[in-house]
Amino acid sequence: HGLRDRILTDLCGRGVVRDVEETELDFIHVHRYPVADPSVEADIRQRLAEALTSGQLPDERTAALATLVAVLRMEPALGLTGPAAEDAGRRLEEIAAGAGFSGSVSLDDSVVRPSISLVIAALGQAVDAALGKR
């Protein structure tokens, strides 16, 4: 329903990414969206790192991101190995539990608002259907 376009327009408007139109083979129009402000990614990575190491409940945005990382099986993108990767995986699962995706916390008591929870749940179901249950 145009969600991708709305998100990209918003990110361009806020100066996070920029829209670069290119032509390939003289007739294929391609849009790329390179990062315009690397501080946004740095801030997100810092918040996620703090959530994984502090043991405290993260804010809603960081909890949603951590839950997405867990649900979408993106732990390798964190670039951690060995015990650090195992600790991060456990912490991601704890945060996901606090967001109502496992454990005893209901979506009503989730630290993430219900509309976001529904999107994350749908993505998780799609990943499970494609790759099998964890």
Protein backbone atom coordinates (compact mmCIF):
# COMPACT_ATOMS: atom_id res chain seq x y z
CA HIS A 1 0.00 0.00 0.00
CA GLY A 2 2.85 2.36 -0.76
CA LEU A 3 4.52 1.87 2.63
CA ARG A 4 8.01 1.54 1.15
CA ASP A 5 7.60 4.79 -0.80
CA ARG A 6 6.24 6.63 2.24
CA ILE A 7 9.12 5.44 4.42
CA LEU A 8 11.73 6.35 1.81
CA THR A 9 10.13 9.77 1.29
CA ASP A 10 10.21 10.37 5.04
CA LEU A 11 13.84 9.25 5.34
CA CYS A 12 14.83 11.48 2.41
CA GLY A 13 12.90 14.39 3.91
CA ARG A 14 14.71 13.99 7.23
CA GLY A 15 18.09 13.81 5.50
CA VAL A 16 18.85 10.25 6.59
CA VAL A 17 19.19 8.91 3.04
CA ARG A 18 19.23 10.56 -0.36
CA ASP A 19 17.50 9.48 -3.54
CA VAL A 20 19.97 8.81 -6.35
CA GLU A 21 18.49 7.96 -9.72
CA GLU A 22 20.75 6.14 -12.15
CA THR A 23 20.35 4.62 -15.58
CA GLU A 24 21.78 1.19 -16.28
CA LEU A 25 22.33 -0.06 -19.83
CA ASP A 26 20.93 3.27 -21.07
CA PHE A 27 17.32 2.31 -20.37
CA ILE A 28 16.88 0.76 -16.90
CA HIS A 29 16.12 3.41 -14.27
CA VAL A 30 17.36 2.49 -10.81
CA HIS A 31 16.88 4.35 -7.54
CA ARG A 32 19.47 3.92 -4.82
CA TYR A 33 19.19 5.34 -1.34
CA PRO A 34 22.69 5.79 0.10
CA VAL A 35 23.08 7.04 3.65
CA ALA A 36 23.28 10.81 3.83
CA ASP A 37 23.70 11.07 7.60
CA PRO A 38 25.76 8.25 9.12
CA SER A 39 25.10 9.56 12.64
CA VAL A 40 21.57 8.09 12.52
CA GLU A 41 22.90 4.55 12.02
CA ALA A 42 25.59 5.13 14.64
CA ASP A 43 22.92 6.23 17.15
CA ILE A 44 20.78 3.17 16.41
CA ARG A 45 23.74 0.82 16.76
CA GLN A 46 24.71 2.50 20.05
CA ARG A 47 21.17 2.16 21.46
CA LEU A 48 21.07 -1.51 20.44
CA ALA A 49 24.52 -2.18 21.94
CA GLU A 50 23.42 -0.56 25.22
CA ALA A 51 20.23 -2.63 25.25
CA LEU A 52 22.25 -5.81 24.77
CA THR A 53 24.81 -5.03 27.47
CA SER A 54 23.01 -2.98 30.13
CA GLY A 55 20.44 -5.54 31.23
CA GLN A 56 17.88 -2.74 31.55
CA LEU A 57 14.60 -2.50 29.66
CA PRO A 58 15.21 -0.53 26.44
CA ASP A 59 12.91 2.16 25.11
CA GLU A 60 10.11 1.12 22.74
CA ARG A 61 12.01 1.80 19.49
CA THR A 62 15.08 -0.10 20.64
CA ALA A 63 12.96 -2.97 21.97
CA ALA A 64 11.17 -3.19 18.60
CA LEU A 65 14.50 -3.21 16.76
CA ALA A 66 16.00 -5.85 19.05
CA THR A 67 12.88 -7.97 18.65
CA LEU A 68 13.11 -7.66 14.87
CA VAL A 69 16.76 -8.74 14.96
CA ALA A 70 15.74 -11.81 16.99
CA VAL A 71 12.59 -12.67 15.01
CA LEU A 72 14.24 -12.17 11.61
CA ARG A 73 17.31 -14.18 12.69
CA MET A 74 19.67 -11.30 11.98
CA GLU A 75 22.05 -11.93 14.89
CA PRO A 76 25.01 -12.47 12.50
CA ALA A 77 24.58 -8.85 11.34
CA LEU A 78 25.76 -7.78 14.80
CA GLY A 79 29.23 -9.03 13.91
CA LEU A 80 29.71 -10.87 17.19
CA THR A 81 31.35 -14.26 17.67
CA GLY A 82 31.83 -16.80 20.43
CA PRO A 83 30.51 -16.02 23.91
CA ALA A 84 29.62 -12.42 22.96
CA ALA A 85 27.31 -13.73 20.23
CA GLU A 86 25.71 -16.20 22.64
CA ASP A 87 25.18 -13.46 25.25
CA ALA A 88 23.68 -11.14 22.63
CA GLY A 89 21.36 -13.92 21.44
CA ARG A 90 20.12 -14.54 24.98
CA ARG A 91 19.60 -10.82 25.56
CA LEU A 92 17.71 -10.43 22.28
CA GLU A 93 15.41 -13.25 23.38
CA GLU A 94 14.88 -11.54 26.76
CA ILE A 95 13.95 -8.29 25.04
CA ALA A 96 11.64 -10.16 22.64
CA ALA A 97 10.00 -11.81 25.66
CA GLY A 98 9.45 -8.38 27.21
CA ALA A 99 7.86 -7.30 23.95
CA GLY A 100 5.37 -10.16 24.20
CA PHE A 101 6.82 -12.55 21.63
CA SER A 102 7.79 -15.33 24.00
CA GLY A 103 7.68 -16.00 27.70
CA SER A 104 4.77 -14.98 29.88
CA VAL A 105 4.30 -11.35 28.79
CA SER A 106 1.14 -10.79 26.75
CA LEU A 107 1.00 -8.38 23.85
CA ASP A 108 -1.25 -6.22 26.04
CA ASP A 109 1.63 -5.80 28.52
CA SER A 110 4.26 -5.47 25.82
CA VAL A 111 6.80 -2.65 25.86
CA VAL A 112 6.04 -2.30 22.14
CA ARG A 113 2.71 -0.87 21.00
CA PRO A 114 0.23 -3.38 19.51
CA SER A 115 0.41 -2.11 15.93
CA ILE A 116 4.17 -2.65 15.85
CA SER A 117 3.78 -6.01 17.58
CA LEU A 118 1.41 -7.16 14.85
CA VAL A 119 3.90 -6.25 12.12
CA ILE A 120 6.75 -8.00 13.94
CA ALA A 121 4.57 -11.07 14.54
CA ALA A 122 3.63 -11.23 10.85
CA LEU A 123 7.28 -10.94 9.82
CA GLY A 124 8.20 -13.67 12.28
CA GLN A 125 5.53 -15.97 10.88
CA ALA A 126 6.77 -15.33 7.35
CA VAL A 127 10.36 -16.13 8.33
CA ASP A 128 9.25 -19.29 10.16
CA ALA A 129 7.24 -20.36 7.12
CA ALA A 130 10.20 -19.78 4.82
CA LEU A 131 12.99 -21.16 7.01
CA GLY A 132 11.20 -23.40 9.48
CA LYS A 133 10.74 -22.90 13.21
CA ARG A 134 13.78 -22.06 15.29
